């Protein structure tokens, strides 16, 4: 089989598709790919193979090396079967216009972990899988960026799960705000050991009663800033002591430490230091508001609103793929930066106390209910509830989409999706039937750019 060198794999693909190809015809393309998400943007050579199969186009993408080139060149083009080839070499067999299963990558955090389904950055890259083998998501998108992502392959919205530890304090996220990044959370689980009544919380904005006691917003901001600064002093004192423990144990200064170890270290601190940390943390947190959360609740995070999901509250999050934040405070050591951004954040933060948004019903039929979760300037999210055995035609929109199952078992484009399993919907696709195969209501989340 010949391997065609190209600078633009999708252009070469279109030329091949435009020909009068016979069943089982195939094309192998090699091209240089700039890994823009890694330090120094290293270039790697990739191989994309496309083949016709019963009127559809299958493909796979992998890194190219000399051994693979040697093996491909001796294969007979007319007898080539991409499916067999993928099985033999451990590559995923994908369909160009069908939903593609997303395989997540877990990113450890001091408060727990994030599970990225569309992550493309230095800290980790998600994958596309056929259930047996996988390729990195950015490699797959590079083979046909217009067909798969309508040219937005470098700006796929981030779909992830926030999975905080159930331990109080150690499972609480950063109290932070965003200037550009838009986020929406959908609560999927409340840890009953952390929240026996089944209601969790998010630290969200500020306590209106505390704020009302101040003569002006400036006075409120000044006192809150002072409270955070007092806490930061004791926080850094404790973190320095913990860093000495890390060094003695051979633990890197910027990797997460189990909450049980941190609690043991804290319990061994002098009593007066423990009491000072607790009191100053309480003094700081009294300015803020806690919004109760239940499973199914939706939290739309406005820009410039300080927020911190609390321990034991698991959520699905959709966000713009922008890494920016201003950390106001954190009851642990921040591992990704050596400073807090309190002064800048306090100067720009909104002081309102947001509530839960009202969800708008978009469509309602005998078999399903479609509601709008959120509409931002750059993306939209819907929640679809399907009755047992019912179906819904996921529309062709001309842009990529993301779909995640939340409850029940659904079938879409040949994929059985269980809870918290997700697919990428290619931009150039036809309407796709989604069916609830479970005996209970099924719930899915669908997102796409606006």
Protein backbone atom coordinates (compact mmCIF):
# COMPACT_ATOMS: atom_id res chain seq x y z
CA UNK A 1 0.00 0.00 0.00
CA UNK A 2 1.26 3.48 -0.87
CA UNK A 3 1.32 6.15 1.82
CA UNK A 4 0.62 9.64 0.52
CA UNK A 5 2.48 12.56 2.09
CA UNK A 6 0.31 15.64 2.56
CA UNK A 7 0.36 18.96 4.35
CA UNK A 8 -3.42 18.97 4.63
CA UNK A 9 -4.96 15.56 5.36
CA UNK A 10 -8.54 16.78 5.05
CA UNK A 11 -7.87 18.27 1.61
CA UNK A 12 -6.37 14.96 0.51
CA UNK A 13 -9.37 13.16 2.03
CA UNK A 14 -11.80 15.33 0.06
CA UNK A 15 -9.93 14.63 -3.18
CA UNK A 16 -10.11 10.92 -2.48
CA UNK A 17 -13.80 11.05 -1.60
CA UNK A 18 -14.53 12.98 -4.78
CA UNK A 19 -13.23 10.12 -6.90
CA UNK A 20 -15.45 7.26 -7.98
CA UNK A 21 -14.22 4.89 -5.31
CA UNK A 22 -15.12 1.26 -5.24
CA UNK A 23 -16.22 -0.56 -2.05
CA UNK A 24 -13.27 -1.24 0.23
CA UNK A 25 -11.15 1.43 -1.47
CA UNK A 26 -8.77 3.10 0.97
CA UNK A 27 -6.19 5.85 1.28
CA UNK A 28 -3.30 6.21 3.75
CA UNK A 29 -2.07 9.72 4.57
CA UNK A 30 1.01 10.80 6.49
CA UNK A 31 1.36 14.36 7.72
CA UNK A 32 3.15 16.50 10.27
CA UNK A 33 1.10 17.62 13.23
CA UNK A 34 1.98 20.46 15.59
CA UNK A 35 1.14 19.47 19.18
CA UNK A 36 0.22 23.02 20.16
CA UNK A 37 -0.88 21.99 23.65
CA UNK A 38 2.58 20.76 24.72
CA UNK A 39 5.58 22.88 25.73
CA UNK A 40 7.52 23.98 22.68
CA UNK A 41 4.74 22.73 20.34
CA UNK A 42 6.67 19.62 19.22
CA UNK A 43 5.91 18.23 15.77
CA UNK A 44 4.92 14.60 15.36
CA UNK A 45 4.19 12.67 12.19
CA UNK A 46 0.75 11.07 12.12
CA UNK A 47 -0.86 8.45 9.93
CA UNK A 48 -4.54 8.59 8.98
CA UNK A 49 -6.09 5.71 7.02
CA UNK A 50 -9.57 6.04 5.49
CA UNK A 51 -11.65 3.27 3.95
CA UNK A 52 -15.13 2.95 2.50
CA UNK A 53 -17.38 0.51 4.34
CA UNK A 54 -20.98 -0.09 3.23
CA UNK A 55 -21.47 3.51 2.12
CA UNK A 56 -19.72 5.05 5.11
CA UNK A 57 -16.14 6.15 5.68
CA UNK A 58 -14.13 4.50 8.43
CA UNK A 59 -10.78 5.76 9.61
CA UNK A 60 -8.08 5.56 12.22
CA UNK A 61 -5.28 7.89 13.33
CA UNK A 62 -2.01 6.99 15.01
CA UNK A 63 1.61 8.06 15.33
CA UNK A 64 3.78 7.03 12.40
CA UNK A 65 7.09 5.23 12.77
CA UNK A 66 9.41 3.38 10.42
CA UNK A 67 8.21 -0.06 11.47
CA UNK A 68 4.61 0.87 10.67
CA UNK A 69 5.65 2.30 7.30
CA UNK A 70 7.53 -0.90 6.46
CA UNK A 71 4.55 -3.04 7.43
CA UNK A 72 2.06 -0.96 5.43
CA UNK A 73 4.10 -0.86 2.25
CA UNK A 74 4.01 -4.65 1.89
CA UNK A 75 0.23 -4.85 2.29
CA UNK A 76 -1.92 -5.31 -0.82
CA UNK A 77 -4.14 -2.25 -1.32
CA UNK A 78 -6.91 -4.26 -2.99
CA UNK A 79 -7.12 -6.78 -0.14
CA UNK A 80 -6.73 -4.32 2.71
CA UNK A 81 -9.32 -4.40 5.51
CA UNK A 82 -9.03 -1.45 7.89
CA UNK A 83 -11.05 -3.19 10.61
CA UNK A 84 -8.72 -6.20 10.65
CA UNK A 85 -5.70 -3.90 10.52
CA UNK A 86 -6.93 -1.92 13.55
CA UNK A 87 -7.53 -5.09 15.55
CA UNK A 88 -4.09 -6.44 14.66
CA UNK A 89 -2.21 -3.27 15.59
CA UNK A 90 -4.35 -1.93 18.44
CA UNK A 91 -5.78 1.13 16.67
CA UNK A 92 -9.38 2.36 17.04
CA UNK A 93 -11.76 1.94 14.09
CA UNK A 94 -13.84 5.12 13.82
CA UNK A 95 -16.63 6.36 11.55
CA UNK A 96 -16.25 9.78 10.00
CA UNK A 97 -19.87 10.90 10.45
CA UNK A 98 -20.98 8.86 13.48
CA UNK A 99 -20.74 9.70 17.20
CA UNK A 100 -17.33 8.84 18.62
CA UNK A 101 -16.90 7.56 22.15
CA UNK A 102 -14.81 9.81 24.38
CA UNK A 103 -12.45 8.13 26.82
CA UNK A 104 -11.52 10.42 29.71
CA UNK A 105 -8.25 11.16 31.45
CA UNK A 106 -8.19 11.72 35.25
CA UNK A 107 -6.30 14.72 36.61
CA UNK A 108 -5.44 14.63 40.32
CA UNK A 109 -6.23 17.74 42.35
CA UNK A 110 -5.53 18.58 46.00
CA UNK A 111 -9.30 18.50 46.59
CA UNK A 112 -9.97 15.29 44.60
CA UNK A 113 -9.83 14.87 40.85
CA UNK A 114 -11.15 16.15 37.55
CA UNK A 115 -12.17 13.68 34.84
CA UNK A 116 -11.66 15.25 31.42
CA UNK A 117 -13.62 13.97 28.43
CA UNK A 118 -12.41 16.65 25.98
CA UNK A 119 -9.21 17.85 27.62
CA UNK A 120 -6.47 19.00 25.26
CA UNK A 121 -3.62 20.60 27.17
CA UNK A 122 -0.22 19.93 28.68
CA UNK A 123 -1.65 18.37 31.85
CA UNK A 124 -3.49 15.70 29.89
CA UNK A 125 -5.30 14.78 26.70
CA UNK A 126 -8.53 12.86 26.40
CA UNK A 127 -9.02 10.02 23.91
CA UNK A 128 -11.38 8.76 21.25
CA UNK A 129 -12.12 5.04 21.53
CA UNK A 130 -13.93 2.28 19.68
CA UNK A 131 -14.27 0.34 22.92
CA UNK A 132 -11.11 -1.70 22.36
CA UNK A 133 -8.41 0.78 21.32
CA UNK A 134 -7.95 4.52 21.47
CA UNK A 135 -6.17 7.54 19.98
CA UNK A 136 -5.64 10.98 21.52
CA UNK A 137 -8.54 13.32 20.79
CA UNK A 138 -6.39 16.06 19.19
CA UNK A 139 -4.83 13.54 16.78
CA UNK A 140 -8.25 12.31 15.68
CA UNK A 141 -9.55 15.85 15.16
CA UNK A 142 -6.48 16.74 13.09
CA UNK A 143 -7.36 14.20 10.40
CA UNK A 144 -10.59 15.96 9.39
CA UNK A 145 -11.02 19.15 11.45
CA UNK A 146 -13.78 20.64 9.29
CA UNK A 147 -15.87 17.47 9.10
CA UNK A 148 -15.40 16.63 12.77
CA UNK A 149 -15.33 20.04 14.47
CA UNK A 150 -16.28 22.68 11.85
CA UNK A 151 -12.81 24.17 12.22
CA UNK A 152 -13.07 24.48 16.02
CA UNK A 153 -10.70 21.59 16.72
CA UNK A 154 -8.49 23.76 18.95
CA UNK A 155 -11.45 25.21 20.84
CA UNK A 156 -13.59 22.22 21.82
CA UNK A 157 -15.61 23.04 24.93
CA UNK A 158 -14.29 21.22 27.96
CA UNK A 159 -16.59 18.49 29.25
CA UNK A 160 -15.45 17.13 32.58
CA UNK A 161 -16.55 15.71 35.91
CA UNK A 162 -15.61 17.37 39.18
CA UNK A 163 -15.12 14.64 41.77
CA UNK A 164 -14.29 16.24 45.14
CA UNK A 165 -13.21 14.19 48.13
CA UNK A 166 -15.98 13.66 50.71
CA UNK A 167 -13.82 15.11 53.51
CA UNK A 168 -14.75 18.58 54.73
CA UNK A 169 -12.11 21.24 53.96
CA UNK A 170 -9.88 18.80 52.03
CA UNK A 171 -12.59 18.21 49.42
CA UNK A 172 -13.57 21.87 49.05
CA UNK A 173 -12.46 23.50 45.80
CA UNK A 174 -10.62 26.81 45.40
CA UNK A 175 -12.67 29.93 46.12
CA UNK A 176 -12.06 31.56 42.75
CA UNK A 177 -13.57 33.67 39.99
CA UNK A 178 -13.21 33.86 36.22
CA UNK A 179 -12.98 36.81 33.87
CA UNK A 180 -13.55 34.87 30.63
CA UNK A 181 -14.23 31.21 31.38
CA UNK A 182 -17.92 30.34 31.45
CA UNK A 183 -19.01 27.33 33.48
CA UNK A 184 -22.16 25.39 34.18
CA UNK A 185 -22.42 22.52 36.69
CA UNK A 186 -25.02 19.75 36.80
CA UNK A 187 -25.06 17.90 40.12
CA UNK A 188 -25.01 14.12 39.64
CA UNK A 189 -24.19 12.76 43.11
CA UNK A 190 -24.15 13.88 46.76
CA UNK A 191 -21.99 11.84 49.13
CA UNK A 192 -24.27 10.75 51.99
CA UNK A 193 -21.38 10.41 54.43
CA UNK A 194 -20.48 14.04 53.83
CA UNK A 195 -24.10 15.27 53.57
CA UNK A 196 -26.43 12.85 55.45
CA UNK A 197 -29.55 14.78 54.41
CA UNK A 198 -28.66 14.49 50.73
CA UNK A 199 -28.12 18.21 50.19
CA UNK A 200 -24.63 19.45 49.38
CA UNK A 201 -23.48 22.98 48.73
CA UNK A 202 -21.40 25.38 46.71
CA UNK A 203 -19.77 28.46 48.22
CA UNK A 204 -21.31 31.03 45.90
CA UNK A 205 -20.99 34.77 46.25
CA UNK A 206 -21.46 36.56 49.55
CA UNK A 207 -23.80 36.53 52.53
CA UNK A 208 -26.35 39.33 52.00
CA UNK A 209 -26.88 39.79 55.74
CA UNK A 210 -23.17 40.27 56.41
CA UNK A 211 -22.91 42.62 53.44
CA UNK A 212 -25.92 44.64 54.62
CA UNK A 213 -24.12 45.43 57.88
CA UNK A 214 -21.55 47.52 55.98
CA UNK A 215 -22.01 51.17 55.08
CA UNK A 216 -20.49 50.65 51.64
CA UNK A 217 -19.33 47.94 49.26
CA UNK A 218 -15.80 49.29 49.55
CA UNK A 219 -15.83 48.72 53.31
CA UNK A 220 -17.12 45.17 52.78
CA UNK A 221 -14.41 44.41 50.24
CA UNK A 222 -11.72 45.86 52.52
CA UNK A 223 -12.77 43.78 55.52
CA UNK A 224 -13.10 40.62 53.45
CA UNK A 225 -9.66 41.19 51.95
CA UNK A 226 -8.18 41.71 55.41
CA UNK A 227 -9.79 38.49 56.67
CA UNK A 228 -8.38 36.53 53.74
CA UNK A 229 -4.93 38.04 54.26
CA UNK A 230 -4.95 37.04 57.93
CA UNK A 231 -5.88 33.50 56.97
CA UNK A 232 -3.23 33.40 54.25
CA UNK A 233 -0.52 34.07 56.84
CA UNK A 234 -1.43 31.02 58.90
CA UNK A 235 -2.10 28.97 55.77
CA UNK A 236 1.42 29.58 54.48
CA UNK A 237 2.93 28.87 57.87
CA UNK A 238 1.22 25.48 57.93
CA UNK A 239 2.02 24.76 54.27
CA UNK A 240 5.71 25.46 54.92
CA UNK A 241 5.66 22.92 57.75
CA UNK A 242 3.90 20.44 55.50
CA UNK A 243 6.50 21.03 52.78
CA UNK A 244 9.16 19.98 55.28
CA UNK A 245 7.20 16.77 55.77
CA UNK A 246 7.01 16.28 52.01
CA UNK A 247 10.77 16.72 51.67
CA UNK A 248 11.51 14.30 54.50
CA UNK A 249 9.24 11.70 52.91
CA UNK A 250 10.53 12.27 49.38
CA UNK A 251 7.20 13.68 48.15
CA UNK A 252 7.37 16.32 45.43
CA UNK A 253 6.35 19.79 46.63
CA UNK A 254 3.63 20.15 43.99
CA UNK A 255 1.82 16.82 43.88
CA UNK A 256 -1.40 16.08 45.79
CA UNK A 257 -1.09 14.36 49.16
CA UNK A 258 -3.90 12.09 50.43
CA UNK A 259 -6.38 13.90 52.66
CA UNK A 260 -5.81 11.35 55.42
CA UNK A 261 -2.10 12.24 55.47
CA UNK A 262 -2.82 15.96 55.53
CA UNK A 263 -5.25 15.46 58.40
CA UNK A 264 -2.65 13.44 60.32
CA UNK A 265 -0.06 16.17 59.76
CA UNK A 266 -2.56 18.81 60.87
CA UNK A 267 -3.43 16.90 64.03
CA UNK A 268 0.26 16.85 64.94
CA UNK A 269 0.61 20.64 64.75
CA UNK A 270 0.74 22.65 67.98
CA UNK A 271 -2.76 23.12 69.36
CA UNK A 272 -2.55 26.91 69.20
CA UNK A 273 -1.73 26.74 65.48
CA UNK A 274 -4.64 24.41 64.79
CA UNK A 275 -7.03 26.71 66.65
CA UNK A 276 -5.72 29.80 64.84
CA UNK A 277 -6.20 28.15 61.43
CA UNK A 278 -9.77 27.11 62.23
CA UNK A 279 -10.73 30.51 63.68
CA UNK A 280 -9.24 32.56 60.85
CA UNK A 281 -10.82 30.26 58.24
CA UNK A 282 -14.19 30.72 59.93
CA UNK A 283 -13.69 34.50 60.08
CA UNK A 284 -12.94 34.52 56.33
CA UNK A 285 -15.79 32.22 55.30
CA UNK A 286 -18.45 34.14 57.26
CA UNK A 287 -18.44 36.75 54.49
CA UNK A 288 -19.45 34.16 51.88
CA UNK A 289 -22.71 32.39 51.09
CA UNK A 290 -23.39 28.65 50.81
CA UNK A 291 -25.98 27.67 48.20
CA UNK A 292 -27.62 24.27 48.94
CA UNK A 293 -27.46 21.72 46.12
CA UNK A 294 -29.37 18.53 45.34
CA UNK A 295 -28.90 15.92 42.63
CA UNK A 296 -30.14 17.36 39.34
CA UNK A 297 -29.56 20.99 40.27
CA UNK A 298 -27.93 23.24 37.69
CA UNK A 299 -25.45 25.94 38.69
CA UNK A 300 -24.67 28.65 36.15
CA UNK A 301 -21.50 30.45 37.26
CA UNK A 302 -21.58 34.14 36.26
CA UNK A 303 -18.31 35.80 35.33
CA UNK A 304 -16.56 37.53 38.27
CA UNK A 305 -18.61 35.58 40.83
CA UNK A 306 -16.42 33.84 43.45
CA UNK A 307 -17.37 30.20 43.86
CA UNK A 308 -16.12 26.95 45.37
CA UNK A 309 -17.87 23.61 44.99
CA UNK A 310 -17.90 21.85 48.34
CA UNK A 311 -16.69 18.39 49.35
CA UNK A 312 -18.64 15.31 48.30
CA UNK A 313 -20.65 17.09 45.57
CA UNK A 314 -19.98 15.42 42.21
CA UNK A 315 -20.91 17.40 39.12
CA UNK A 316 -20.69 17.33 35.36
CA UNK A 317 -19.21 20.57 34.10
CA UNK A 318 -19.24 22.21 30.69
CA UNK A 319 -16.89 25.15 30.27
CA UNK A 320 -15.16 27.25 27.67
CA UNK A 321 -11.66 25.88 26.94
CA UNK A 322 -9.87 28.79 28.59
CA UNK A 323 -7.47 28.29 31.49
CA UNK A 324 -7.77 31.41 33.58
CA UNK A 325 -8.83 32.05 37.13
CA UNK A 326 -8.27 34.30 40.09
CA UNK A 327 -7.87 32.42 43.38
CA UNK A 328 -9.20 34.34 46.35
CA UNK A 329 -8.44 31.68 48.95
CA UNK A 330 -7.92 27.97 49.52
CA UNK A 331 -7.79 25.92 52.72
CA UNK A 332 -4.82 23.91 51.38
CA UNK A 333 -1.63 24.59 49.48
CA UNK A 334 -2.27 25.67 45.88
CA UNK A 335 -0.15 23.32 43.78
CA UNK A 336 -0.42 24.98 40.36
CA UNK A 337 0.75 28.47 41.31
CA UNK A 338 2.80 29.97 44.12
CA UNK A 339 0.44 32.80 45.00
CA UNK A 340 -3.16 33.77 45.55
CA UNK A 341 -4.81 36.50 43.46
CA UNK A 342 -6.81 37.99 46.28
CA UNK A 343 -6.16 41.71 45.75
CA UNK A 344 -6.97 41.62 42.02
CA UNK A 345 -9.99 39.35 42.54
CA UNK A 346 -11.49 41.40 45.39
CA UNK A 347 -11.23 44.56 43.29
CA UNK A 348 -13.24 43.07 40.41
CA UNK A 349 -15.54 40.51 42.07
CA UNK A 350 -19.32 40.79 42.00
CA UNK A 351 -20.97 40.92 45.41
CA UNK A 352 -24.37 39.52 44.46
CA UNK A 353 -25.55 36.15 45.74
CA UNK A 354 -26.72 34.18 42.67
CA UNK A 355 -29.39 31.53 42.95
CA UNK A 356 -30.22 28.48 40.85
CA UNK A 357 -31.41 29.33 37.32
CA UNK A 358 -34.89 28.63 36.02
CA UNK A 359 -34.76 26.04 33.25
CA UNK A 360 -36.70 26.75 30.06
CA UNK A 361 -38.73 23.96 28.43
CA UNK A 362 -37.86 23.82 24.73
CA UNK A 363 -39.75 20.71 23.59
CA UNK A 364 -42.17 18.34 25.29
CA UNK A 365 -43.75 15.25 23.77
CA UNK A 366 -45.21 11.95 24.93
CA UNK A 367 -41.74 10.40 25.04
CA UNK A 368 -39.30 13.11 26.03
CA UNK A 369 -38.70 16.49 27.64
CA UNK A 370 -35.99 18.87 26.39
CA UNK A 371 -35.02 21.81 28.58
CA UNK A 372 -32.41 24.50 28.16
CA UNK A 373 -29.78 24.31 30.90
CA UNK A 374 -27.80 27.37 29.88
CA UNK A 375 -27.05 29.63 26.93
CA UNK A 376 -23.74 31.48 26.97
CA UNK A 377 -22.25 33.62 24.24
CA UNK A 378 -20.11 30.71 23.06
CA UNK A 379 -22.01 27.51 23.90
CA UNK A 380 -25.37 26.06 24.90
CA UNK A 381 -26.34 23.06 27.02
CA UNK A 382 -29.62 21.11 27.05
CA UNK A 383 -30.96 18.36 29.29
CA UNK A 384 -33.02 15.65 27.63
CA UNK A 385 -35.22 13.27 29.63
CA UNK A 386 -36.42 10.18 27.76
CA UNK A 387 -39.17 7.86 28.93
CA UNK A 388 -38.41 4.11 28.82
CA UNK A 389 -38.30 2.85 25.25
CA UNK A 390 -38.71 6.28 23.71
CA UNK A 391 -36.42 8.00 21.23
CA UNK A 392 -35.22 11.44 20.16
CA UNK A 393 -33.63 12.55 16.91
CA UNK A 394 -30.42 14.38 17.77
CA UNK A 395 -30.37 17.06 15.07
CA UNK A 396 -27.65 17.76 12.53
CA UNK A 397 -26.47 21.27 13.42
CA UNK A 398 -23.40 21.89 11.27
CA UNK A 399 -21.20 22.16 14.35
CA UNK A 400 -19.76 19.58 16.70
CA UNK A 401 -21.65 18.48 19.79
CA UNK A 402 -21.00 16.72 23.08
CA UNK A 403 -23.44 14.25 24.61
CA UNK A 404 -23.19 12.60 28.02
CA UNK A 405 -25.52 10.07 29.64
CA UNK A 406 -26.49 10.99 33.20
CA UNK A 407 -29.12 8.36 34.08
CA UNK A 408 -30.31 5.18 32.42
CA UNK A 409 -28.88 3.36 29.39
CA UNK A 410 -29.14 5.00 25.98
CA UNK A 411 -28.10 3.90 22.49
CA UNK A 412 -26.75 6.38 19.96
CA UNK A 413 -25.04 5.57 16.67
CA UNK A 414 -24.16 2.05 17.77
CA UNK A 415 -22.86 3.14 21.19
CA UNK A 416 -24.45 1.96 24.44
CA UNK A 417 -23.90 4.78 26.92
CA UNK A 418 -24.11 4.20 30.64
CA UNK A 419 -24.01 6.86 33.35
CA UNK A 420 -21.23 9.43 32.79
CA UNK A 421 -20.22 8.05 29.39
CA UNK A 422 -19.94 10.54 26.56
CA UNK A 423 -19.54 10.91 22.80
CA UNK A 424 -18.38 13.57 20.39
CA UNK A 425 -20.96 14.36 17.72
CA UNK A 426 -19.17 15.18 14.44
CA UNK A 427 -20.02 18.51 12.84
CA UNK A 428 -20.90 16.91 9.50
CA UNK A 429 -23.40 14.29 10.51
CA UNK A 430 -26.98 13.34 9.79
CA UNK A 431 -29.78 13.22 12.33
CA UNK A 432 -29.02 10.45 14.81
CA UNK A 433 -31.62 8.51 16.75
CA UNK A 434 -31.10 8.35 20.52
CA UNK A 435 -33.06 5.58 22.27
CA UNK A 436 -33.65 4.90 25.96
CA UNK A 437 -33.12 1.16 26.44
CA UNK A 438 -33.55 1.15 30.21
CA UNK A 439 -36.67 0.48 32.25
CA UNK A 440 -36.43 3.92 33.87
CA UNK A 441 -36.25 7.47 32.61
CA UNK A 442 -32.96 8.26 30.91
CA UNK A 443 -31.30 11.66 31.16
CA UNK A 444 -28.61 13.01 28.84
CA UNK A 445 -26.84 16.34 28.53
CA UNK A 446 -26.15 17.80 25.09
CA UNK A 447 -23.87 20.75 24.39
CA UNK A 448 -22.77 22.57 21.27
CA UNK A 449 -21.24 25.91 20.33
CA UNK A 450 -23.59 28.82 19.65
